[in-house]
Amino acid sequence: MPNSSIKWILKQKGADQERLKAALNLNEREMELISSLTQERGKFSEAFLICEDRRAVVSIESTPFEYWLATTDPKDLAFLEEMKRQKPEASKLQILMELAVSHPFGYQLSGVKQ
């Protein structure tokens, strides 16, 4: 990855740690930091950021609209499709904006009974 001066490493479930360490030239402390990354769905994700010679753990928080724009959670996507069926006259943008207000942390964290 020599062509990229900025690298984002997110939580690595089941990744080959030795390969990651070698590919990014990481030391033991950096590997520990990567192993400790956390996330709370709909709230934040931590990432290990490499920017040229600087390295740090950062917290990424999306706005409710950004959450709905980027979600890959199957329950969120199913709910989004249901909203489209219920409101065929509404644009996808209008639906996303409505969901950002009514369910700012996604479908599962909205208190909706499942």
N, C-alpha and C. Protein backbone atom coordinates (compact mmCIF):
# COMPACT_ATOMS: atom_id res chain seq x y z
N MET A 1 0.80 -1.19 0.00
CA MET A 1 0.00 0.00 0.00
C MET A 1 0.85 1.26 0.00
N PRO A 2 1.94 1.26 -0.74
CA PRO A 2 2.80 2.43 -0.75
C PRO A 2 2.20 3.63 -1.48
N ASN A 3 1.15 3.42 -2.27
CA ASN A 3 0.56 4.52 -3.03
C ASN A 3 -0.37 5.39 -2.21
N SER A 4 -0.71 4.97 -1.01
CA SER A 4 -1.66 5.70 -0.19
C SER A 4 -0.96 6.28 1.03
N SER A 5 -1.02 7.59 1.19
CA SER A 5 -0.39 8.20 2.36
C SER A 5 -1.32 8.19 3.57
N ILE A 6 -2.61 7.91 3.34
CA ILE A 6 -3.58 7.84 4.43
C ILE A 6 -4.22 6.46 4.43
N LYS A 7 -4.20 5.81 5.58
CA LYS A 7 -4.78 4.48 5.72
C LYS A 7 -5.68 4.45 6.95
N TRP A 8 -6.86 3.87 6.79
CA TRP A 8 -7.82 3.70 7.88
C TRP A 8 -7.92 2.21 8.16
N ILE A 9 -7.68 1.80 9.39
CA ILE A 9 -7.84 0.41 9.78
C ILE A 9 -8.98 0.35 10.78
N LEU A 10 -10.04 -0.35 10.40
CA LEU A 10 -11.19 -0.51 11.28
C LEU A 10 -11.05 -1.79 12.08
N LYS A 11 -11.99 -2.04 12.95
CA LYS A 11 -11.99 -3.24 13.77
C LYS A 11 -11.77 -4.46 12.88
N GLN A 12 -10.83 -5.32 13.27
CA GLN A 12 -10.43 -6.46 12.45
C GLN A 12 -10.84 -7.78 13.08
N LYS A 13 -12.07 -8.20 12.81
CA LYS A 13 -12.52 -9.50 13.32
C LYS A 13 -11.98 -10.59 12.41
N GLY A 14 -11.22 -11.51 12.99
CA GLY A 14 -10.75 -12.67 12.23
C GLY A 14 -9.68 -12.37 11.20
N ALA A 15 -9.08 -11.21 11.23
CA ALA A 15 -8.03 -10.87 10.26
C ALA A 15 -6.73 -11.58 10.61
N ASP A 16 -5.91 -11.80 9.60
CA ASP A 16 -4.58 -12.37 9.78
C ASP A 16 -3.69 -11.26 10.36
N GLN A 17 -3.50 -11.29 11.67
CA GLN A 17 -2.79 -10.22 12.37
C GLN A 17 -1.33 -10.07 11.89
N GLU A 18 -0.68 -11.18 11.64
CA GLU A 18 0.72 -11.10 11.19
C GLU A 18 0.83 -10.48 9.80
N ARG A 19 -0.12 -10.82 8.96
CA ARG A 19 -0.12 -10.24 7.61
C ARG A 19 -0.39 -8.74 7.67
N LEU A 20 -1.34 -8.34 8.52
CA LEU A 20 -1.65 -6.93 8.71
C LEU A 20 -0.42 -6.19 9.23
N LYS A 21 0.23 -6.78 10.22
CA LYS A 21 1.43 -6.17 10.82
C LYS A 21 2.53 -5.97 9.77
N ALA A 22 2.76 -6.98 8.98
CA ALA A 22 3.81 -6.91 7.96
C ALA A 22 3.45 -5.94 6.84
N ALA A 23 2.21 -6.00 6.37
CA ALA A 23 1.79 -5.16 5.24
C ALA A 23 1.87 -3.67 5.57
N LEU A 24 1.56 -3.32 6.82
CA LEU A 24 1.54 -1.91 7.21
C LEU A 24 2.73 -1.50 8.06
N ASN A 25 3.66 -2.44 8.26
CA ASN A 25 4.87 -2.17 9.05
C ASN A 25 4.50 -1.63 10.44
N LEU A 26 3.63 -2.37 11.14
CA LEU A 26 3.15 -1.97 12.46
C LEU A 26 3.99 -2.59 13.56
N ASN A 27 4.12 -1.88 14.67
CA ASN A 27 4.84 -2.44 15.82
C ASN A 27 3.83 -3.08 16.78
N GLU A 28 4.32 -3.67 17.85
CA GLU A 28 3.44 -4.38 18.79
C GLU A 28 2.41 -3.46 19.44
N ARG A 29 2.82 -2.27 19.81
CA ARG A 29 1.88 -1.32 20.44
C ARG A 29 0.76 -0.96 19.48
N GLU A 30 1.09 -0.73 18.22
CA GLU A 30 0.07 -0.40 17.23
C GLU A 30 -0.89 -1.57 17.01
N MET A 31 -0.36 -2.79 17.04
CA MET A 31 -1.21 -3.97 16.92
C MET A 31 -2.15 -4.08 18.11
N GLU A 32 -1.66 -3.75 19.30
CA GLU A 32 -2.52 -3.76 20.49
C GLU A 32 -3.64 -2.72 20.35
N LEU A 33 -3.29 -1.56 19.84
CA LEU A 33 -4.30 -0.51 19.65
C LEU A 33 -5.36 -0.97 18.65
N ILE A 34 -4.95 -1.58 17.56
CA ILE A 34 -5.89 -2.08 16.56
C ILE A 34 -6.78 -3.15 17.16
N SER A 35 -6.20 -4.02 17.97
CA SER A 35 -6.98 -5.08 18.62
C SER A 35 -8.01 -4.52 19.60
N SER A 36 -7.76 -3.33 20.12
CA SER A 36 -8.66 -2.75 21.12
C SER A 36 -9.74 -1.85 20.51
N LEU A 37 -9.77 -1.70 19.20
CA LEU A 37 -10.76 -0.82 18.57
C LEU A 37 -12.17 -1.31 18.87
N THR A 38 -13.06 -0.36 19.11
CA THR A 38 -14.45 -0.70 19.42
C THR A 38 -15.39 0.04 18.50
N GLN A 39 -16.63 -0.39 18.55
CA GLN A 39 -17.68 0.32 17.83
C GLN A 39 -18.99 0.09 18.54
N GLU A 40 -19.88 1.03 18.40
CA GLU A 40 -21.24 0.89 18.90
C GLU A 40 -22.15 1.26 17.74
N ARG A 41 -22.81 0.23 17.20
CA ARG A 41 -23.63 0.43 16.01
C ARG A 41 -24.57 1.62 16.18
N GLY A 42 -24.53 2.48 15.17
CA GLY A 42 -25.40 3.65 15.18
C GLY A 42 -24.85 4.82 15.97
N LYS A 43 -23.75 4.61 16.67
CA LYS A 43 -23.20 5.68 17.52
C LYS A 43 -21.79 6.11 17.06
N PHE A 44 -20.83 5.17 17.04
CA PHE A 44 -19.46 5.52 16.67
C PHE A 44 -18.68 4.26 16.30
N SER A 45 -17.58 4.47 15.62
CA SER A 45 -16.59 3.42 15.36
C SER A 45 -15.22 4.03 15.60
N GLU A 46 -14.34 3.25 16.21
CA GLU A 46 -12.96 3.68 16.33
C GLU A 46 -12.18 3.11 15.15
N ALA A 47 -11.15 3.83 14.76
CA ALA A 47 -10.28 3.39 13.68
C ALA A 47 -8.85 3.75 14.03
N PHE A 48 -7.91 3.00 13.47
CA PHE A 48 -6.50 3.33 13.60
C PHE A 48 -6.13 4.06 12.31
N LEU A 49 -5.71 5.31 12.44
CA LEU A 49 -5.43 6.16 11.30
C LEU A 49 -3.92 6.29 11.11
N ILE A 50 -3.47 6.02 9.90
CA ILE A 50 -2.07 6.24 9.53
C ILE A 50 -2.06 7.34 8.49
N CYS A 51 -1.40 8.43 8.81
CA CYS A 51 -1.30 9.56 7.89
C CYS A 51 0.17 9.96 7.81
N GLU A 52 0.80 9.51 6.74
CA GLU A 52 2.23 9.68 6.54
C GLU A 52 2.96 9.08 7.74
N ASP A 53 3.65 9.87 8.55
CA ASP A 53 4.39 9.29 9.68
C ASP A 53 3.64 9.40 11.01
N ARG A 54 2.40 9.84 10.97
CA ARG A 54 1.59 9.96 12.19
C ARG A 54 0.60 8.80 12.27
N ARG A 55 0.39 8.32 13.50
CA ARG A 55 -0.52 7.20 13.73
C ARG A 55 -1.30 7.45 15.01
N ALA A 56 -2.61 7.20 14.96
CA ALA A 56 -3.45 7.45 16.12
C ALA A 56 -4.76 6.70 16.02
N VAL A 57 -5.38 6.48 17.18
CA VAL A 57 -6.74 5.94 17.22
C VAL A 57 -7.69 7.14 17.18
N VAL A 58 -8.68 7.07 16.29
CA VAL A 58 -9.65 8.15 16.16
C VAL A 58 -11.05 7.58 16.31
N SER A 59 -11.99 8.42 16.68
CA SER A 59 -13.39 8.02 16.80
C SER A 59 -14.16 8.68 15.67
N ILE A 60 -14.96 7.88 14.97
CA ILE A 60 -15.73 8.38 13.85
C ILE A 60 -17.21 8.35 14.24
N GLU A 61 -17.84 9.51 14.22
CA GLU A 61 -19.26 9.61 14.55
C GLU A 61 -19.98 10.18 13.33
N SER A 62 -20.98 9.47 12.88
CA SER A 62 -21.75 9.96 11.73
C SER A 62 -22.99 10.69 12.22
N THR A 63 -23.46 11.60 11.40
CA THR A 63 -24.75 12.22 11.68
C THR A 63 -25.82 11.17 11.39
N PRO A 64 -27.03 11.36 11.91
CA PRO A 64 -28.09 10.40 11.59
C PRO A 64 -28.33 10.23 10.09
N PHE A 65 -28.25 11.32 9.33
CA PHE A 65 -28.43 11.21 7.88
C PHE A 65 -27.29 10.39 7.27
N GLU A 66 -26.06 10.64 7.66
CA GLU A 66 -24.93 9.86 7.14
C GLU A 66 -25.07 8.39 7.51
N TYR A 67 -25.59 8.13 8.72
CA TYR A 67 -25.81 6.74 9.12
C TYR A 67 -26.74 6.06 8.13
N TRP A 68 -27.89 6.68 7.86
CA TRP A 68 -28.87 6.06 6.97
C TRP A 68 -28.38 5.99 5.54
N LEU A 69 -27.57 6.91 5.13
CA LEU A 69 -27.02 6.92 3.78
C LEU A 69 -26.05 5.75 3.57
N ALA A 70 -25.32 5.37 4.63
CA ALA A 70 -24.26 4.38 4.49
C ALA A 70 -24.55 3.02 5.14
N THR A 71 -25.66 2.88 5.86
CA THR A 71 -25.90 1.64 6.59
C THR A 71 -25.92 0.41 5.67
N THR A 72 -25.38 -0.68 6.19
CA THR A 72 -25.46 -1.97 5.50
C THR A 72 -26.17 -2.99 6.38
N ASP A 73 -26.69 -2.54 7.52
CA ASP A 73 -27.39 -3.44 8.43
C ASP A 73 -28.66 -3.97 7.74
N PRO A 74 -28.81 -5.29 7.66
CA PRO A 74 -29.98 -5.86 6.97
C PRO A 74 -31.32 -5.37 7.51
N LYS A 75 -31.43 -5.17 8.82
CA LYS A 75 -32.70 -4.69 9.39
C LYS A 75 -32.96 -3.24 8.99
N ASP A 76 -31.92 -2.42 8.95
CA ASP A 76 -32.08 -1.04 8.48
C ASP A 76 -32.53 -1.03 7.02
N LEU A 77 -31.88 -1.85 6.20
CA LEU A 77 -32.21 -1.87 4.78
C LEU A 77 -33.63 -2.38 4.53
N ALA A 78 -34.05 -3.38 5.30
CA ALA A 78 -35.41 -3.88 5.18
C ALA A 78 -36.41 -2.80 5.59
N PHE A 79 -36.10 -2.07 6.66
CA PHE A 79 -36.97 -0.99 7.11
C PHE A 79 -37.03 0.13 6.07
N LEU A 80 -35.89 0.45 5.47
CA LEU A 80 -35.84 1.46 4.42
C LEU A 80 -36.72 1.04 3.24
N GLU A 81 -36.64 -0.22 2.84
CA GLU A 81 -37.48 -0.71 1.75
C GLU A 81 -38.98 -0.64 2.11
N GLU A 82 -39.29 -0.97 3.35
CA GLU A 82 -40.69 -0.88 3.81
C GLU A 82 -41.18 0.56 3.75
N MET A 83 -40.33 1.49 4.14
CA MET A 83 -40.71 2.91 4.08
C MET A 83 -40.94 3.34 2.64
N LYS A 84 -40.13 2.84 1.71
CA LYS A 84 -40.32 3.17 0.30
C LYS A 84 -41.66 2.64 -0.20
N ARG A 85 -42.04 1.43 0.24
CA ARG A 85 -43.33 0.85 -0.16
C ARG A 85 -44.50 1.65 0.42
N GLN A 86 -44.33 2.10 1.68
CA GLN A 86 -45.40 2.86 2.33
C GLN A 86 -45.55 4.26 1.76
N LYS A 87 -44.46 4.81 1.22
CA LYS A 87 -44.49 6.19 0.71
C LYS A 87 -43.93 6.24 -0.71
N PRO A 88 -44.62 5.66 -1.66
CA PRO A 88 -44.09 5.59 -3.02
C PRO A 88 -43.89 6.97 -3.67
N GLU A 89 -44.60 7.97 -3.17
CA GLU A 89 -44.47 9.32 -3.74
C GLU A 89 -43.21 10.04 -3.24
N ALA A 90 -42.63 9.56 -2.16
CA ALA A 90 -41.46 10.22 -1.56
C ALA A 90 -40.18 9.79 -2.28
N SER A 91 -39.26 10.72 -2.42
CA SER A 91 -37.95 10.39 -3.00
C SER A 91 -37.11 9.65 -1.96
N LYS A 92 -36.08 8.99 -2.42
CA LYS A 92 -35.19 8.30 -1.48
C LYS A 92 -34.57 9.31 -0.51
N LEU A 93 -34.22 10.47 -1.00
CA LEU A 93 -33.66 11.52 -0.14
C LEU A 93 -34.66 11.91 0.96
N GLN A 94 -35.92 12.08 0.59
CA GLN A 94 -36.93 12.45 1.59
C GLN A 94 -37.07 11.35 2.65
N ILE A 95 -37.06 10.11 2.21
CA ILE A 95 -37.18 9.00 3.15
C ILE A 95 -35.97 8.93 4.07
N LEU A 96 -34.78 9.10 3.53
CA LEU A 96 -33.57 9.07 4.35
C LEU A 96 -33.59 10.20 5.38
N MET A 97 -34.04 11.37 4.97
CA MET A 97 -34.11 12.50 5.90
C MET A 97 -35.13 12.22 7.00
N GLU A 98 -36.25 11.62 6.65
CA GLU A 98 -37.28 11.28 7.64
C GLU A 98 -36.74 10.23 8.63
N LEU A 99 -36.06 9.22 8.11
CA LEU A 99 -35.50 8.19 8.99
C LEU A 99 -34.42 8.75 9.90
N ALA A 100 -33.66 9.71 9.40
CA ALA A 100 -32.61 10.33 10.22
C ALA A 100 -33.22 11.03 11.44
N VAL A 101 -34.43 11.55 11.28
CA VAL A 101 -35.11 12.22 12.39
C VAL A 101 -35.81 11.20 13.29
N SER A 102 -36.53 10.26 12.68
CA SER A 102 -37.34 9.34 13.47
C SER A 102 -36.54 8.18 14.08
N HIS A 103 -35.42 7.80 13.46
CA HIS A 103 -34.59 6.68 13.92
C HIS A 103 -33.11 7.05 13.77
N PRO A 104 -32.63 8.03 14.54
CA PRO A 104 -31.29 8.58 14.31
C PRO A 104 -30.14 7.59 14.48
N PHE A 105 -30.36 6.49 15.19
CA PHE A 105 -29.28 5.52 15.40
C PHE A 105 -29.56 4.20 14.70
N GLY A 106 -30.47 4.21 13.74
CA GLY A 106 -30.81 3.01 13.02
C GLY A 106 -32.06 2.35 13.57
N TYR A 107 -32.54 1.37 12.84
CA TYR A 107 -33.78 0.69 13.20
C TYR A 107 -33.69 -0.03 14.53
N GLN A 108 -32.62 -0.77 14.77
CA GLN A 108 -32.51 -1.57 15.98
C GLN A 108 -32.44 -0.74 17.27
N LEU A 109 -31.86 0.43 17.18
CA LEU A 109 -31.70 1.27 18.38
C LEU A 109 -32.80 2.31 18.53
N SER A 110 -33.88 2.16 17.77
CA SER A 110 -34.92 3.17 17.79
C SER A 110 -36.02 2.90 18.81
N GLY A 111 -35.97 1.71 19.44
CA GLY A 111 -37.02 1.35 20.37
C GLY A 111 -38.20 0.70 19.70
N VAL A 112 -38.10 0.41 18.39
CA VAL A 112 -39.16 -0.26 17.66
C VAL A 112 -39.21 -1.71 18.10
N LYS A 113 -40.39 -2.22 18.38
CA LYS A 113 -40.55 -3.62 18.76
C LYS A 113 -40.33 -4.49 17.54
N GLN A 114 -39.49 -5.53 17.71
CA GLN A 114 -39.16 -6.40 16.57
C GLN A 114 -39.79 -7.74 16.72
